[in-house]
Structure formats: C-alpha cells, structure tokens
Amino acid sequence: MISTVAALEAIYGEQPPLTLEKSIAVLDEHCAAFLSYAPFAVLGVRGRSGTQHSMVVGGDPGFLTAERATALRIESVDEVAPTDVEDGAPAGLVALVPGYGETLRVNGRIRRDGQSVVLDVEEAFLHCARCITRSKLWRDHQPSELAPITKAGSDFRDPDVLAFLDAAPFLAVSTTDDGGHGDVSPKGDDRGFLVPLDAHRVALPDRPGNRRTDTFRNLLADPAVSVLALVPGDDRVLEVRGTAHVTADPALRARLQGGGALPDLALVIDAERVDLQHDDALRASGLWRPDRRIPKGALPTAGAIWTAHVGAS
C-alpha cells in the first residue's frame, strides 16, 4: 500500500509545475464559455459526517452559470446537494461538453441559494483529454442494451451491478484533502476497467496522465471516496461510496492491465454503499444525444485555453 507522498512521488515524480500553472483561481471567459455549452456535470461534496457524495447535475446547456468570476450557479433538474451537506462544505465539479475533448474541473465551497446552489470558486482548470479518448465517450451511442433495473444498497455480487460495471468506460472520483478542499477527477478507459475484487471491493488502474495525482494525494490524507460510473446510452448511474487506498501490488496491477500498458498504481475501493439508480438529471442533460454535440470551432482549442490560463496564473 502507498501511504506517503514520498512513496507516491518515488513512482510518479513530483507534480509538474507547468501542469499546476494551468490552474486558475477564477472563472475566466473561457470557463464561462465552456459552461454555457455544458449540459452535464458530476458534483462531489463532503457531508457533515465525513461521507463523500457524488451526483449528476444536468439540464439544458446554460444550467451552469458563471455569475461572476468566483461564483458558479448550479440549477439542475434534480436536487443538487444531499441533506447532510452544510453551507461551506468542500465541493468539486467536473463538467462535460459533448463532442469536446477536454473536461472543466472547478473546486471550491458549496452553499444553498433558493432552489439552486452556488459553488464559490477556489480553483478551475481544463482537464483531461485522455479520459475522453480512452473511454470513446463521444462516439454515437445507441440506447443501452442492459436491463433497466435499479438496485439500492447492493454489492458486487449482484448480476445487474456487475453488468453495469462491465459496460462502464467512464467514471468520476470524488475526494477531499485534509485541508478541506474538494476535487472530482474524471477517469476513462476500455469498458469494464472498474474491476470487482469481491462482494465489497472494486479496483481501477491508474493510466499515464498529466501527473497531477490530486486524487491519490487526497486519499493519503483522507480515505473517504465516492465513485460515479456511467454507461453511454444508459440513463442510470452507479455510485460507490466508501474508503479507498492506493497500491502498487504487482498481482493486482497485472489483473487490471486489460488491453493497455501495465498500470503503475491501482486504486482499491472498500464500498460501504453501492447504488444503481435512474438519474433524472442525466436524462435531462441529453448527454448521449448527437444533437448535443458542440459545433466545431465553437470553443477555442485546449491549447489556446491553456495558454491563457498559464498566463493568468
């Protein structure tokens, strides 16, 4: 098990300065434009009991609004925050624009404001093309062939949960660090990369990326985690809540290799709650509809946005 930042950096090295400089402390015009096209996001929040939650927020493009440089309003068709989440709780959000090759991540503090919530912004950055490419997320997807069954309070022996996991190429991992800063990290790979180990444990490989390692660093300080998995063409989500640890175990890494390179590390999640549910916000987002795809050239290239963000930081 990896238990220190030094052990993590012995494998991955330090976080690259240029990668960190792509992060800005406000929503600039590029972030505002991205959000205006986004019909879907995953919001991760920390409850007062220490439980980590993940949920889909979604609707027509524009439901995420940059009210000002430091405030993101979220008006989802579904309830945005669980009842055990207090104003000022750590939160992270990852937004998707169908057809665009990057995601936008926004971290900060959440507060309720009438029927919506506001995310007071502490950090925003564009990330990451690899999760979109590996998951083949923007291919034309037909409706899911899985049985439309839901399961609350299930585990990884359930055949419907296993079928969903086997078909899922994309997920979001929600964590909070020991300083009370939230983060939601997108992960994408071949279908079935979230692998059940037994009735209450699943594991996923860590593929080469930009070496920010936010999720791993957060879990070294606080193991609470929530994972939200998606299957293209399906309006259900699978949420796994519990605790997680990072490991370099060779046998497990080999088991998670799949058709790709041997992963350097693996994330193992001990589930306390497993829910497979229909999601009104996902359905309202139309995430899998071809007509939601962004027109070519509607947003600047990722390189242009990064250049602006590095300059601003």
C-alpha atoms as a PDB file:
ATOM      1  CA  MET A   1       0.000   0.000   0.000  1.00  0.00           C
ATOM      2  CA  ILE A   2       1.180   3.538  -0.799  1.00  0.00           C
ATOM      3  CA  SER A   3       0.864   5.547   2.411  1.00  0.00           C
ATOM      4  CA  THR A   4       3.021   8.672   1.947  1.00  0.00           C
ATOM      5  CA  VAL A   5       3.510  11.411  -0.622  1.00  0.00           C
ATOM      6  CA  ALA A   6       7.194  10.444  -0.790  1.00  0.00           C
ATOM      7  CA  ALA A   7       6.254   6.883  -1.806  1.00  0.00           C
ATOM      8  CA  LEU A   8       3.841   8.248  -4.402  1.00  0.00           C
ATOM      9  CA  GLU A   9       6.459  10.608  -5.843  1.00  0.00           C
ATOM     10  CA  ALA A  10       9.008   7.781  -5.956  1.00  0.00           C
ATOM     11  CA  ILE A  11       6.775   6.245  -8.636  1.00  0.00           C
ATOM     12  CA  TYR A  12       5.345   9.313 -10.394  1.00  0.00           C
ATOM     13  CA  GLY A  13       7.760  12.085  -9.542  1.00  0.00           C
ATOM     14  CA  GLU A  14       6.689  15.496  -8.287  1.00  0.00           C
ATOM     15  CA  GLN A  15       3.703  17.259  -9.779  1.00  0.00           C
ATOM     16  CA  PRO A  16       4.917  19.091 -12.920  1.00  0.00           C
ATOM     17  CA  PRO A  17       4.965  22.876 -12.371  1.00  0.00           C
ATOM     18  CA  LEU A  18       3.541  23.613 -15.836  1.00  0.00           C
ATOM     19  CA  THR A  19       0.548  21.345 -15.166  1.00  0.00           C
ATOM     20  CA  LEU A  20      -0.169  23.173 -11.914  1.00  0.00           C
ATOM     21  CA  GLU A  21       0.150  26.538 -13.668  1.00  0.00           C
ATOM     22  CA  LYS A  22      -2.832  25.626 -15.868  1.00  0.00           C
ATOM     23  CA  SER A  23      -4.966  26.078 -12.750  1.00  0.00           C
ATOM     24  CA  ILE A  24      -6.523  29.494 -12.113  1.00  0.00           C
ATOM     25  CA  ALA A  25      -8.466  30.832  -9.118  1.00  0.00           C
ATOM     26  CA  VAL A  26     -11.399  32.305 -11.058  1.00  0.00           C
ATOM     27  CA  LEU A  27     -13.792  31.547 -13.899  1.00  0.00           C
ATOM     28  CA  ASP A  28     -12.424  33.459 -16.875  1.00  0.00           C
ATOM     29  CA  GLU A  29     -14.171  33.962 -20.208  1.00  0.00           C
ATOM     30  CA  HIS A  30     -13.008  30.549 -21.441  1.00  0.00           C
ATOM     31  CA  CYS A  31     -14.511  28.810 -18.414  1.00  0.00           C
ATOM     32  CA  ALA A  32     -17.748  30.778 -18.821  1.00  0.00           C
ATOM     33  CA  ALA A  33     -17.964  29.780 -22.492  1.00  0.00           C
ATOM     34  CA  PHE A  34     -17.315  26.115 -21.675  1.00  0.00           C
ATOM     35  CA  LEU A  35     -20.032  26.145 -19.016  1.00  0.00           C
ATOM     36  CA  SER A  36     -22.532  27.759 -21.409  1.00  0.00           C
ATOM     37  CA  TYR A  37     -22.267  24.659 -23.654  1.00  0.00           C
ATOM     38  CA  ALA A  38     -22.221  22.063 -20.868  1.00  0.00           C
ATOM     39  CA  PRO A  39     -25.451  20.100 -20.227  1.00  0.00           C
ATOM     40  CA  PHE A  40     -23.864  17.738 -17.690  1.00  0.00           C
ATOM     41  CA  ALA A  41     -21.521  17.671 -14.712  1.00  0.00           C
ATOM     42  CA  VAL A  42     -20.651  15.485 -11.755  1.00  0.00           C
ATOM     43  CA  LEU A  43     -20.658  17.290  -8.416  1.00  0.00           C
ATOM     44  CA  GLY A  44     -18.769  15.858  -5.449  1.00  0.00           C
ATOM     45  CA  VAL A  45     -19.430  17.141  -1.921  1.00  0.00           C
ATOM     46  CA  ARG A  46     -18.443  16.229   1.617  1.00  0.00           C
ATOM     47  CA  GLY A  47     -21.222  15.601   4.155  1.00  0.00           C
ATOM     48  CA  ARG A  48     -21.017  16.708   7.769  1.00  0.00           C
ATOM     49  CA  SER A  49     -20.423  13.092   8.862  1.00  0.00           C
ATOM     50  CA  GLY A  50     -17.380  12.841   6.588  1.00  0.00           C
ATOM     51  CA  THR A  51     -19.220  10.878   3.898  1.00  0.00           C
ATOM     52  CA  GLN A  52     -18.209  11.702   0.327  1.00  0.00           C
ATOM     53  CA  HIS A  53     -21.109  12.095  -2.137  1.00  0.00           C
ATOM     54  CA  SER A  54     -21.240  12.236  -5.946  1.00  0.00           C
ATOM     55  CA  MET A  55     -24.233  13.231  -8.037  1.00  0.00           C
ATOM     56  CA  VAL A  56     -25.110  14.169 -11.576  1.00  0.00           C
ATOM     57  CA  VAL A  57     -26.261  17.722 -12.184  1.00  0.00           C
ATOM     58  CA  GLY A  58     -27.731  18.393 -15.584  1.00  0.00           C
ATOM     59  CA  GLY A  59     -30.217  20.116 -17.857  1.00  0.00           C
ATOM     60  CA  ASP A  60     -30.176  22.239 -20.972  1.00  0.00           C
ATOM     61  CA  PRO A  61     -26.849  23.925 -21.775  1.00  0.00           C
ATOM     62  CA  GLY A  62     -26.606  27.021 -19.629  1.00  0.00           C
ATOM     63  CA  PHE A  63     -27.830  25.419 -16.407  1.00  0.00           C
ATOM     64  CA  LEU A  64     -24.288  26.030 -15.113  1.00  0.00           C
ATOM     65  CA  THR A  65     -23.795  29.791 -14.938  1.00  0.00           C
ATOM     66  CA  ALA A  66     -20.669  31.750 -14.143  1.00  0.00           C
ATOM     67  CA  GLU A  67     -22.451  34.515 -12.226  1.00  0.00           C
ATOM     68  CA  ARG A  68     -19.128  36.196 -11.566  1.00  0.00           C
ATOM     69  CA  ALA A  69     -15.505  35.222 -11.612  1.00  0.00           C
ATOM     70  CA  THR A  70     -15.727  33.471  -8.246  1.00  0.00           C
ATOM     71  CA  ALA A  71     -19.261  32.047  -8.249  1.00  0.00           C
ATOM     72  CA  LEU A  72     -20.752  29.181 -10.261  1.00  0.00           C
ATOM     73  CA  ARG A  73     -24.529  28.760 -10.000  1.00  0.00           C
ATOM     74  CA  ILE A  74     -25.918  25.242 -10.482  1.00  0.00           C
ATOM     75  CA  GLU A  75     -29.599  24.853 -11.357  1.00  0.00           C
ATOM     76  CA  SER A  76     -30.072  21.143 -12.004  1.00  0.00           C
ATOM     77  CA  VAL A  77     -33.381  19.412 -12.721  1.00  0.00           C
ATOM     78  CA  ASP A  78     -32.669  17.195  -9.716  1.00  0.00           C
ATOM     79  CA  GLU A  79     -31.874  18.033  -6.102  1.00  0.00           C
ATOM     80  CA  VAL A  80     -28.318  19.301  -6.091  1.00  0.00           C
ATOM     81  CA  ALA A  81     -26.969  18.569  -2.610  1.00  0.00           C
ATOM     82  CA  PRO A  82     -27.764  15.843  -0.045  1.00  0.00           C
ATOM     83  CA  THR A  83     -29.379  16.950   3.201  1.00  0.00           C
ATOM     84  CA  ASP A  84     -26.247  16.257   5.268  1.00  0.00           C
ATOM     85  CA  VAL A  85     -24.206  18.774   3.256  1.00  0.00           C
ATOM     86  CA  GLU A  86     -23.765  22.092   5.051  1.00  0.00           C
ATOM     87  CA  ASP A  87     -23.102  25.511   3.534  1.00  0.00           C
ATOM     88  CA  GLY A  88     -19.358  25.942   3.142  1.00  0.00           C
ATOM     89  CA  ALA A  89     -18.742  22.222   2.580  1.00  0.00           C
ATOM     90  CA  PRO A  90     -15.844  21.267   0.281  1.00  0.00           C
ATOM     91  CA  ALA A  91     -17.011  20.554  -3.269  1.00  0.00           C
ATOM     92  CA  GLY A  92     -15.628  19.770  -6.687  1.00  0.00           C
ATOM     93  CA  LEU A  93     -17.255  19.643 -10.101  1.00  0.00           C
ATOM     94  CA  VAL A  94     -16.260  18.202 -13.471  1.00  0.00           C
ATOM     95  CA  ALA A  95     -18.294  19.447 -16.455  1.00  0.00           C
ATOM     96  CA  LEU A  96     -18.533  17.867 -19.908  1.00  0.00           C
ATOM     97  CA  VAL A  97     -19.347  19.438 -23.272  1.00  0.00           C
ATOM     98  CA  PRO A  98     -20.490  16.699 -25.685  1.00  0.00           C
ATOM     99  CA  GLY A  99     -18.059  16.413 -28.576  1.00  0.00           C
ATOM    100  CA  TYR A 100     -15.280  18.421 -26.882  1.00  0.00           C
ATOM    101  CA  GLY A 101     -12.057  16.626 -25.982  1.00  0.00           C
ATOM    102  CA  GLU A 102     -11.447  18.107 -22.526  1.00  0.00           C
ATOM    103  CA  THR A 103     -13.337  18.485 -19.265  1.00  0.00           C
ATOM    104  CA  LEU A 104     -13.549  21.537 -16.998  1.00  0.00           C
ATOM    105  CA  ARG A 105     -12.878  20.994 -13.303  1.00  0.00           C
ATOM    106  CA  VAL A 106     -13.971  23.570 -10.722  1.00  0.00           C
ATOM    107  CA  ASN A 107     -13.243  23.235  -6.986  1.00  0.00           C
ATOM    108  CA  GLY A 108     -14.432  25.323  -4.068  1.00  0.00           C
ATOM    109  CA  ARG A 109     -17.159  25.565  -1.417  1.00  0.00           C
ATOM    110  CA  ILE A 110     -20.851  24.951  -1.859  1.00  0.00           C
ATOM    111  CA  ARG A 111     -23.789  26.899  -0.440  1.00  0.00           C
ATOM    112  CA  ARG A 112     -27.531  26.782  -0.999  1.00  0.00           C
ATOM    113  CA  ASP A 113     -29.265  29.775  -2.563  1.00  0.00           C
ATOM    114  CA  GLY A 114     -33.000  29.291  -3.021  1.00  0.00           C
ATOM    115  CA  GLN A 115     -33.744  26.363  -5.350  1.00  0.00           C
ATOM    116  CA  SER A 116     -30.182  26.195  -6.634  1.00  0.00           C
ATOM    117  CA  VAL A 117     -26.720  26.030  -5.137  1.00  0.00           C
ATOM    118  CA  VAL A 118     -23.643  28.159  -5.699  1.00  0.00           C
ATOM    119  CA  LEU A 119     -20.108  26.840  -5.882  1.00  0.00           C
ATOM    120  CA  ASP A 120     -17.766  29.546  -4.588  1.00  0.00           C
ATOM    121  CA  VAL A 121     -14.711  29.044  -6.780  1.00  0.00           C
ATOM    122  CA  GLU A 122     -11.209  28.393  -5.445  1.00  0.00           C
ATOM    123  CA  GLU A 123      -9.728  26.643  -8.492  1.00  0.00           C
ATOM    124  CA  ALA A 124     -10.595  25.998 -12.154  1.00  0.00           C
ATOM    125  CA  PHE A 125      -8.674  24.146 -14.846  1.00  0.00           C
ATOM    126  CA  LEU A 126      -9.139  22.283 -18.108  1.00  0.00           C
ATOM    127  CA  HIS A 127      -8.505  18.506 -17.839  1.00  0.00           C
ATOM    128  CA  CYS A 128      -8.178  15.843 -19.316  1.00  0.00           C
ATOM    129  CA  ALA A 129      -8.196  14.629 -22.924  1.00  0.00           C
ATOM    130  CA  ARG A 130      -7.020  11.113 -22.112  1.00  0.00           C
ATOM    131  CA  CYS A 131     -10.159  10.172 -20.182  1.00  0.00           C
ATOM    132  CA  ILE A 132     -12.311  11.264 -23.143  1.00  0.00           C
ATOM    133  CA  THR A 133     -10.134   9.489 -25.706  1.00  0.00           C
ATOM    134  CA  ARG A 134      -9.767   6.239 -23.803  1.00  0.00           C
ATOM    135  CA  SER A 135     -13.473   5.981 -22.977  1.00  0.00           C
ATOM    136  CA  LYS A 136     -14.516   6.812 -26.588  1.00  0.00           C
ATOM    137  CA  LEU A 137     -17.147   8.937 -24.896  1.00  0.00           C
ATOM    138  CA  TRP A 138     -18.306  10.942 -27.906  1.00  0.00           C
ATOM    139  CA  ARG A 139     -18.915   8.103 -30.304  1.00  0.00           C
ATOM    140  CA  ASP A 140     -22.523   7.749 -31.456  1.00  0.00           C
ATOM    141  CA  HIS A 141     -24.068   5.567 -28.770  1.00  0.00           C
ATOM    142  CA  GLN A 142     -27.240   3.551 -29.168  1.00  0.00           C
ATOM    143  CA  PRO A 143     -29.598   3.110 -26.208  1.00  0.00           C
ATOM    144  CA  SER A 144     -28.128   0.742 -23.651  1.00  0.00           C
ATOM    145  CA  GLU A 145     -28.898  -2.939 -24.098  1.00  0.00           C
ATOM    146  CA  LEU A 146     -28.665  -3.519 -20.346  1.00  0.00           C
ATOM    147  CA  ALA A 147     -31.847  -4.331 -18.450  1.00  0.00           C
ATOM    148  CA  PRO A 148     -33.131  -1.035 -16.949  1.00  0.00           C
ATOM    149  CA  ILE A 149     -33.021  -2.378 -13.388  1.00  0.00           C
ATOM    150  CA  THR A 150     -32.119  -0.307 -10.330  1.00  0.00           C
ATOM    151  CA  LYS A 151     -30.597  -1.527  -7.094  1.00  0.00           C
ATOM    152  CA  ALA A 152     -30.215   0.427  -3.853  1.00  0.00           C
ATOM    153  CA  GLY A 153     -27.865  -0.780  -1.148  1.00  0.00           C
ATOM    154  CA  SER A 154     -26.436  -3.542  -3.326  1.00  0.00           C
ATOM    155  CA  ASP A 155     -22.948  -5.088  -3.646  1.00  0.00           C
ATOM    156  CA  PHE A 156     -20.641  -6.512  -6.280  1.00  0.00           C
ATOM    157  CA  ARG A 157     -22.241  -9.963  -6.277  1.00  0.00           C
ATOM    158  CA  ASP A 158     -25.380  -8.558  -7.903  1.00  0.00           C
ATOM    159  CA  PRO A 159     -25.546  -9.536 -11.607  1.00  0.00           C
ATOM    160  CA  ASP A 160     -27.108  -6.207 -12.649  1.00  0.00           C
ATOM    161  CA  VAL A 161     -24.407  -4.233 -10.850  1.00  0.00           C
ATOM    162  CA  LEU A 162     -21.742  -6.439 -12.433  1.00  0.00           C
ATOM    163  CA  ALA A 163     -23.270  -5.981 -15.909  1.00  0.00           C
ATOM    164  CA  PHE A 164     -23.236  -2.196 -15.464  1.00  0.00           C
ATOM    165  CA  LEU A 165     -19.618  -2.215 -14.295  1.00  0.00           C
ATOM    166  CA  ASP A 166     -18.630  -4.393 -17.246  1.00  0.00           C
ATOM    167  CA  ALA A 167     -20.146  -1.846 -19.660  1.00  0.00           C
ATOM    168  CA  ALA A 168     -18.880   1.353 -17.988  1.00  0.00           C
ATOM    169  CA  PRO A 169     -15.964   3.189 -19.718  1.00  0.00           C
ATOM    170  CA  PHE A 170     -16.168   6.456 -17.746  1.00  0.00           C
ATOM    171  CA  LEU A 171     -16.346   7.453 -14.103  1.00  0.00           C
ATOM    172  CA  ALA A 172     -15.661  10.345 -11.745  1.00  0.00           C
ATOM    173  CA  VAL A 173     -13.806  10.001  -8.441  1.00  0.00           C
ATOM    174  CA  SER A 174     -14.722  12.464  -5.683  1.00  0.00           C
ATOM    175  CA  THR A 175     -12.346  13.122  -2.769  1.00  0.00           C
ATOM    176  CA  THR A 176     -11.439  15.791  -0.199  1.00  0.00           C
ATOM    177  CA  ASP A 177      -7.982  16.598   1.169  1.00  0.00           C
ATOM    178  CA  ASP A 178      -7.014  17.126   4.808  1.00  0.00           C
ATOM    179  CA  GLY A 179      -7.297  20.881   4.332  1.00  0.00           C
ATOM    180  CA  GLY A 180     -10.959  20.622   3.358  1.00  0.00           C
ATOM    181  CA  HIS A 181     -10.567  21.123  -0.410  1.00  0.00           C
ATOM    182  CA  GLY A 182     -12.751  19.029  -2.720  1.00  0.00           C
ATOM    183  CA  ASP A 183     -11.903  17.505  -6.090  1.00  0.00           C
ATOM    184  CA  VAL A 184     -13.650  15.412  -8.748  1.00  0.00           C
ATOM    185  CA  SER A 185     -11.340  13.586 -11.136  1.00  0.00           C
ATOM    186  CA  PRO A 186     -12.629  12.047 -14.408  1.00  0.00           C
ATOM    187  CA  LYS A 187     -11.344   8.610 -15.424  1.00  0.00           C
ATOM    188  CA  GLY A 188     -11.848   6.862 -18.759  1.00  0.00           C
ATOM    189  CA  ASP A 189     -10.677   3.565 -20.198  1.00  0.00           C
ATOM    190  CA  ASP A 190     -11.931   0.484 -22.019  1.00  0.00           C
ATOM    191  CA  ARG A 191     -15.313  -0.728 -20.829  1.00  0.00           C
ATOM    192  CA  GLY A 192     -15.113  -2.718 -17.631  1.00  0.00           C
ATOM    193  CA  PHE A 193     -11.961  -1.088 -16.223  1.00  0.00           C
ATOM    194  CA  LEU A 194     -13.588  -0.783 -12.771  1.00  0.00           C
ATOM    195  CA  VAL A 195     -12.988  -4.386 -11.661  1.00  0.00           C
ATOM    196  CA  PRO A 196     -14.785  -6.145  -8.763  1.00  0.00           C
ATOM    197  CA  LEU A 197     -12.409  -7.957  -6.398  1.00  0.00           C
ATOM    198  CA  ASP A 198     -15.039  -9.402  -4.052  1.00  0.00           C
ATOM    199  CA  ALA A 199     -18.528  -8.536  -2.791  1.00  0.00           C
ATOM    200  CA  HIS A 200     -17.436  -5.188  -1.324  1.00  0.00           C
ATOM    201  CA  ARG A 201     -14.255  -4.142  -3.130  1.00  0.00           C
ATOM    202  CA  VAL A 202     -13.508  -2.823  -6.605  1.00  0.00           C
ATOM    203  CA  ALA A 203     -10.275  -1.597  -8.169  1.00  0.00           C
ATOM    204  CA  LEU A 204      -9.292   0.581 -11.105  1.00  0.00           C
ATOM    205  CA  PRO A 205      -5.941   1.115 -12.834  1.00  0.00           C
ATOM    206  CA  ASP A 206      -4.171   4.446 -12.983  1.00  0.00           C
ATOM    207  CA  ARG A 207      -3.068   5.104 -16.547  1.00  0.00           C
ATOM    208  CA  PRO A 208      -0.358   7.598 -17.556  1.00  0.00           C
ATOM    209  CA  GLY A 209      -1.698  11.150 -17.428  1.00  0.00           C
ATOM    210  CA  ASN A 210      -0.582  14.644 -16.522  1.00  0.00           C
ATOM    211  CA  ARG A 211       0.746  13.525 -13.089  1.00  0.00           C
ATOM    212  CA  ARG A 212      -1.347  15.960 -11.053  1.00  0.00           C
ATOM    213  CA  THR A 213      -2.197  12.970  -8.757  1.00  0.00           C
ATOM    214  CA  ASP A 214      -4.826  15.043  -6.890  1.00  0.00           C
ATOM    215  CA  THR A 215      -6.978  12.002  -6.093  1.00  0.00           C
ATOM    216  CA  PHE A 216      -4.096   9.955  -4.706  1.00  0.00           C
ATOM    217  CA  ARG A 217      -2.747  12.818  -2.595  1.00  0.00           C
ATOM    218  CA  ASN A 218      -6.213  13.476  -1.180  1.00  0.00           C
ATOM    219  CA  LEU A 219      -6.737   9.810  -0.282  1.00  0.00           C
ATOM    220  CA  LEU A 220      -3.396   9.639   1.511  1.00  0.00           C
ATOM    221  CA  ALA A 221      -4.760  12.305   3.855  1.00  0.00           C
ATOM    222  CA  ASP A 222      -8.450  11.289   3.927  1.00  0.00           C
ATOM    223  CA  PRO A 223      -9.620   7.913   2.544  1.00  0.00           C
ATOM    224  CA  ALA A 224     -13.300   8.821   2.067  1.00  0.00           C
ATOM    225  CA  VAL A 225     -14.310   8.461  -1.590  1.00  0.00           C
ATOM    226  CA  SER A 226     -17.293   8.381  -3.916  1.00  0.00           C
ATOM    227  CA  VAL A 227     -17.164   6.991  -7.444  1.00  0.00           C
ATOM    228  CA  LEU A 228     -19.875   7.639 -10.054  1.00  0.00           C
ATOM    229  CA  ALA A 229     -19.840   5.367 -13.126  1.00  0.00           C
ATOM    230  CA  LEU A 230     -21.613   5.923 -16.467  1.00  0.00           C
ATOM    231  CA  VAL A 231     -22.567   3.671 -19.378  1.00  0.00           C
ATOM    232  CA  PRO A 232     -23.052   5.508 -22.712  1.00  0.00           C
ATOM    233  CA  GLY A 233     -26.672   5.341 -23.859  1.00  0.00           C
ATOM    234  CA  ASP A 234     -27.939   4.479 -20.350  1.00  0.00           C
ATOM    235  CA  ASP A 235     -29.764   6.942 -18.084  1.00  0.00           C
ATOM    236  CA  ARG A 236     -28.640   5.189 -14.900  1.00  0.00           C
ATOM    237  CA  VAL A 237     -25.625   5.899 -12.715  1.00  0.00           C
ATOM    238  CA  LEU A 238     -23.751   3.629 -10.341  1.00  0.00           C
ATOM    239  CA  GLU A 239     -22.464   5.322  -7.191  1.00  0.00           C
ATOM    240  CA  VAL A 240     -19.970   3.571  -4.921  1.00  0.00           C
ATOM    241  CA  ARG A 241     -19.277   5.244  -1.557  1.00  0.00           C
ATOM    242  CA  GLY A 242     -16.709   4.167   0.991  1.00  0.00           C
ATOM    243  CA  THR A 243     -12.973   4.444   1.548  1.00  0.00           C
ATOM    244  CA  ALA A 244     -10.025   3.857  -0.767  1.00  0.00           C
ATOM    245  CA  HIS A 245      -6.292   3.256  -0.781  1.00  0.00           C
ATOM    246  CA  VAL A 246      -3.528   3.305  -3.378  1.00  0.00           C
ATOM    247  CA  THR A 247      -1.394   0.254  -4.062  1.00  0.00           C
ATOM    248  CA  ALA A 248       1.493  -0.845  -6.276  1.00  0.00           C
ATOM    249  CA  ASP A 249       0.738  -4.553  -5.734  1.00  0.00           C
ATOM    250  CA  PRO A 250       2.134  -6.338  -8.827  1.00  0.00           C
ATOM    251  CA  ALA A 251      -0.536  -9.057  -8.985  1.00  0.00           C
ATOM    252  CA  LEU A 252      -3.380  -6.567  -8.804  1.00  0.00           C
ATOM    253  CA  ARG A 253      -1.775  -4.261 -11.366  1.00  0.00           C
ATOM    254  CA  ALA A 254      -1.409  -7.211 -13.754  1.00  0.00           C
ATOM    255  CA  ARG A 255      -5.077  -8.098 -13.211  1.00  0.00           C
ATOM    256  CA  LEU A 256      -6.057  -4.543 -14.146  1.00  0.00           C
ATOM    257  CA  GLN A 257      -3.837  -4.318 -17.211  1.00  0.00           C
ATOM    258  CA  GLY A 258      -6.585  -5.221 -19.676  1.00  0.00           C
ATOM    259  CA  GLY A 259      -5.564  -4.322 -23.216  1.00  0.00           C
ATOM    260  CA  GLY A 260      -3.369  -1.414 -22.171  1.00  0.00           C
ATOM    261  CA  ALA A 261       0.009  -0.903 -20.578  1.00  0.00           C
ATOM    262  CA  LEU A 262       0.686  -2.231 -17.105  1.00  0.00           C
ATOM    263  CA  PRO A 263      -0.556   0.491 -14.702  1.00  0.00           C
ATOM    264  CA  ASP A 264       1.945   1.925 -12.247  1.00  0.00           C
ATOM    265  CA  LEU A 265      -0.634   2.069  -9.458  1.00  0.00           C
ATOM    266  CA  ALA A 266      -4.142   0.867  -8.651  1.00  0.00           C
ATOM    267  CA  LEU A 267      -6.933   2.400  -6.604  1.00  0.00           C
ATOM    268  CA  VAL A 268      -8.832  -0.055  -4.374  1.00  0.00           C
ATOM    269  CA  ILE A 269     -12.235   0.995  -3.037  1.00  0.00           C
ATOM    270  CA  ASP A 270     -13.840  -0.618   0.004  1.00  0.00           C
ATOM    271  CA  ALA A 271     -17.531   0.017  -0.582  1.00  0.00           C
ATOM    272  CA  GLU A 272     -19.892   0.948   2.217  1.00  0.00           C
ATOM    273  CA  ARG A 273     -22.761   1.721  -0.174  1.00  0.00           C
ATOM    274  CA  VAL A 274     -23.466   0.662  -3.778  1.00  0.00           C
ATOM    275  CA  ASP A 275     -26.462   2.178  -5.614  1.00  0.00           C
ATOM    276  CA  LEU A 276     -27.541   1.668  -9.230  1.00  0.00           C
ATOM    277  CA  GLN A 277     -30.254   4.231  -9.975  1.00  0.00           C
ATOM    278  CA  HIS A 278     -32.066   6.018 -12.799  1.00  0.00           C
ATOM    279  CA  ASP A 279     -30.998   9.647 -12.864  1.00  0.00           C
ATOM    280  CA  ASP A 280     -33.352  12.435 -13.941  1.00  0.00           C
ATOM    281  CA  ALA A 281     -30.508  14.935 -14.327  1.00  0.00           C
ATOM    282  CA  LEU A 282     -28.579  12.599 -16.639  1.00  0.00           C
ATOM    283  CA  ARG A 283     -31.684  12.047 -18.744  1.00  0.00           C
ATOM    284  CA  ALA A 284     -32.368  15.794 -18.891  1.00  0.00           C
ATOM    285  CA  SER A 285     -28.806  16.528 -19.954  1.00  0.00           C
ATOM    286  CA  GLY A 286     -29.194  14.513 -23.170  1.00  0.00           C
ATOM    287  CA  LEU A 287     -25.530  13.624 -22.778  1.00  0.00           C
ATOM    288  CA  TRP A 288     -25.682  10.780 -25.293  1.00  0.00           C
ATOM    289  CA  ARG A 289     -27.713  12.652 -27.943  1.00  0.00           C
ATOM    290  CA  PRO A 290     -25.795  13.518 -31.145  1.00  0.00           C
ATOM    291  CA  ASP A 291     -27.608  16.869 -31.374  1.00  0.00           C
ATOM    292  CA  ARG A 292     -25.963  17.919 -28.098  1.00  0.00           C
ATOM    293  CA  ARG A 293     -22.519  17.761 -29.730  1.00  0.00           C
ATOM    294  CA  ILE A 294     -20.776  21.107 -29.836  1.00  0.00           C
ATOM    295  CA  PRO A 295     -20.260  22.660 -33.306  1.00  0.00           C
ATOM    296  CA  LYS A 296     -16.659  22.545 -34.458  1.00  0.00           C
ATOM    297  CA  GLY A 297     -14.877  25.780 -33.581  1.00  0.00           C
ATOM    298  CA  ALA A 298     -17.496  26.899 -31.042  1.00  0.00           C
ATOM    299  CA  LEU A 299     -14.857  26.738 -28.311  1.00  0.00           C
ATOM    300  CA  PRO A 300     -11.158  27.556 -28.647  1.00  0.00           C
ATOM    301  CA  THR A 301      -8.706  24.678 -28.740  1.00  0.00           C
ATOM    302  CA  ALA A 302      -7.473  23.304 -25.446  1.00  0.00           C
ATOM    303  CA  GLY A 303      -4.021  24.686 -26.242  1.00  0.00           C
ATOM    304  CA  ALA A 304      -5.379  28.205 -26.608  1.00  0.00           C
ATOM    305  CA  ILE A 305      -7.246  27.957 -23.310  1.00  0.00           C
ATOM    306  CA  TRP A 306      -4.206  26.556 -21.506  1.00  0.00           C
ATOM    307  CA  THR A 307      -2.053  29.372 -22.847  1.00  0.00           C
ATOM    308  CA  ALA A 308      -4.499  31.907 -21.443  1.00  0.00           C
ATOM    309  CA  HIS A 309      -4.697  30.120 -18.087  1.00  0.00           C
ATOM    310  CA  VAL A 310      -0.925  29.743 -17.708  1.00  0.00           C
ATOM    311  CA  GLY A 311      -0.577  33.436 -18.493  1.00  0.00           C
ATOM    312  CA  ALA A 312      -3.229  34.300 -15.903  1.00  0.00           C
ATOM    313  CA  SER A 313      -1.687  32.119 -13.222  1.00  0.00           C
END
